[in-house]
Amino acid sequence: MSQLRRIKTLVQASFRRRPPERAEPGARITPVTLGSASAVPQFGLTKFDAGGYEIAVANVEGTFYAFSDICTHRRCSLSEGELDGTTLECICHGSRFDVSTGDVLRGPATRSVQVYAVRVQGDALVVDVPSAS
């Protein structure tokens, strides 16, 4: 990772909103179409803005995982990070998350990232986001 890319991401992170809290079990959900499944490269990450949410999608061997694009440590873009299997490393400070569960695997982050149910309908990626109250 280049130092310039890391600095750019840190500066952008200072202007981002707080990451969403994990949704309560049983919360009402709304399906949101993100975009094309073919937009997410195999073993890659793509960021989508949909329904007021910044959502990153990882494609791991044809399985898609959707989660908040906002790191819970310093609000950096997780889609700028490095993906190794289902482990994602944040570009800014090296926090690692499991994209399938959102769990923190290594700090400095201490809070998990929000994950979203995702499915492919045709070529469209559809995620379930918490409904506005």
Protein backbone atom coordinates (compact mmCIF):
# COMPACT_ATOMS: atom_id res chain seq x y z
CA MET A 1 0.00 0.00 0.00
CA SER A 2 1.33 3.36 -0.89
CA GLN A 3 1.80 5.94 1.84
CA LEU A 4 -0.01 8.55 -0.28
CA ARG A 5 -3.10 6.31 -0.59
CA ARG A 6 -3.11 5.77 3.18
CA ILE A 7 -2.88 9.52 3.88
CA LYS A 8 -5.67 10.27 1.39
CA THR A 9 -7.92 7.71 3.10
CA LEU A 10 -7.18 9.14 6.57
CA VAL A 11 -8.05 12.67 5.43
CA GLN A 12 -11.30 11.50 3.83
CA ALA A 13 -12.18 9.55 6.97
CA SER A 14 -12.12 12.70 9.08
CA PHE A 15 -15.19 13.93 7.16
CA ARG A 16 -17.24 10.73 7.31
CA ARG A 17 -20.20 10.13 9.55
CA ARG A 18 -20.08 7.63 12.38
CA PRO A 19 -20.36 3.97 11.40
CA PRO A 20 -23.80 2.43 11.95
CA GLU A 21 -24.41 0.47 15.11
CA ARG A 22 -25.16 -3.19 14.66
CA ALA A 23 -28.87 -3.70 14.01
CA GLU A 24 -30.96 -5.25 16.76
CA PRO A 25 -32.16 -8.79 16.05
CA GLY A 26 -35.71 -8.68 14.73
CA ALA A 27 -35.40 -5.07 13.50
CA ARG A 28 -37.49 -4.15 10.47
CA ILE A 29 -35.55 -4.24 7.21
CA THR A 30 -35.82 -2.72 3.77
CA PRO A 31 -34.31 -4.34 0.67
CA VAL A 32 -32.02 -1.98 -1.28
CA THR A 33 -30.49 -2.69 -4.68
CA LEU A 34 -26.82 -1.75 -4.66
CA GLY A 35 -25.79 -2.38 -8.23
CA SER A 36 -24.45 -5.12 -10.44
CA ALA A 37 -22.86 -8.25 -8.96
CA SER A 38 -20.42 -8.17 -11.88
CA ALA A 39 -19.12 -4.82 -10.54
CA VAL A 40 -17.45 -6.69 -7.65
CA PRO A 41 -14.32 -8.49 -8.91
CA GLN A 42 -13.52 -12.01 -7.75
CA PHE A 43 -11.49 -11.73 -4.50
CA GLY A 44 -12.16 -7.98 -4.55
CA LEU A 45 -14.06 -5.18 -2.82
CA THR A 46 -16.44 -2.55 -4.17
CA LYS A 47 -18.11 0.35 -2.37
CA PHE A 48 -21.76 1.24 -3.02
CA ASP A 49 -23.80 4.20 -1.79
CA ALA A 50 -27.44 3.22 -1.42
CA GLY A 51 -30.34 4.28 0.74
CA GLY A 52 -28.11 6.58 2.82
CA TYR A 53 -25.71 3.74 3.60
CA GLU A 54 -22.07 3.32 2.58
CA ILE A 55 -21.83 -0.40 1.95
CA ALA A 56 -18.79 -2.43 0.91
CA VAL A 57 -19.25 -5.76 -0.84
CA ALA A 58 -16.59 -8.47 -0.95
CA ASN A 59 -16.59 -11.29 -3.48
CA VAL A 60 -14.85 -14.35 -2.03
CA GLU A 61 -14.88 -17.25 -4.47
CA GLY A 62 -18.31 -16.23 -5.80
CA THR A 63 -19.85 -15.64 -2.35
CA PHE A 64 -20.82 -12.04 -1.65
CA TYR A 65 -20.53 -10.38 1.77
CA ALA A 66 -21.97 -6.93 2.47
CA PHE A 67 -20.91 -4.75 5.40
CA SER A 68 -20.54 -1.13 6.43
CA ASP A 69 -17.75 0.57 4.50
CA ILE A 70 -16.90 2.64 7.59
CA CYS A 71 -14.18 1.28 9.89
CA THR A 72 -15.24 1.40 13.53
CA HIS A 73 -11.78 2.62 14.59
CA ARG A 74 -11.15 5.85 12.64
CA ARG A 75 -13.90 5.83 9.98
CA CYS A 76 -11.63 4.92 7.09
CA SER A 77 -13.11 3.30 3.98
CA LEU A 78 -12.89 -0.47 4.37
CA SER A 79 -13.29 -0.95 0.62
CA GLU A 80 -9.82 0.64 0.26
CA GLY A 81 -8.34 -2.15 2.39
CA GLU A 82 -6.79 -5.49 1.57
CA LEU A 83 -8.90 -8.67 1.33
CA ASP A 84 -7.39 -12.10 2.07
CA GLY A 85 -10.11 -14.75 2.00
CA THR A 86 -12.78 -13.46 4.39
CA THR A 87 -10.26 -11.32 6.31
CA LEU A 88 -10.23 -7.61 5.52
CA GLU A 89 -7.43 -5.33 6.70
CA CYS A 90 -8.21 -1.61 7.01
CA ILE A 91 -5.78 0.55 5.05
CA CYS A 92 -5.43 3.16 7.81
CA HIS A 93 -4.32 1.39 10.98
CA GLY A 94 -4.38 -2.32 10.16
CA SER A 95 -7.53 -3.39 12.00
CA ARG A 96 -8.75 -6.72 10.67
CA PHE A 97 -12.35 -7.83 10.31
CA ASP A 98 -14.09 -11.01 9.24
CA VAL A 99 -16.33 -9.92 6.34
CA SER A 100 -18.73 -12.81 6.93
CA THR A 101 -19.54 -11.83 10.52
CA GLY A 102 -18.19 -8.28 10.95
CA ASP A 103 -16.17 -9.43 13.95
CA VAL A 104 -12.88 -7.75 14.84
CA LEU A 105 -9.98 -10.17 14.35
CA ARG A 106 -7.23 -7.69 15.28
CA GLY A 107 -7.28 -4.15 16.63
CA PRO A 108 -6.88 -1.32 17.12
CA ALA A 109 -10.63 -1.44 16.32
CA THR A 110 -12.68 -2.85 19.20
CA ARG A 111 -16.21 -2.75 17.70
CA SER A 112 -17.45 -5.06 14.97
CA VAL A 113 -18.71 -3.63 11.69
CA GLN A 114 -22.36 -3.91 10.68
CA VAL A 115 -23.00 -6.74 8.22
CA TYR A 116 -25.98 -6.93 5.89
CA ALA A 117 -27.80 -9.89 4.37
CA VAL A 118 -27.00 -9.86 0.65
CA ARG A 119 -28.39 -11.82 -2.26
CA VAL A 120 -28.04 -11.83 -6.04
CA GLN A 121 -31.23 -11.35 -8.05
CA GLY A 122 -30.35 -11.72 -11.72
CA ASP A 123 -27.17 -9.65 -11.79
CA ALA A 124 -28.34 -7.22 -9.10
CA LEU A 125 -26.93 -7.19 -5.57
CA VAL A 126 -29.72 -6.65 -3.03
CA VAL A 127 -29.03 -5.99 0.66
CA ASP A 128 -31.37 -5.77 3.63
CA VAL A 129 -30.80 -2.56 5.61
CA PRO A 130 -32.57 -1.51 8.82
CA SER A 131 -35.76 0.45 8.11
CA ALA A 132 -35.97 4.04 9.25
CA SER A 133 -38.06 4.26 12.41
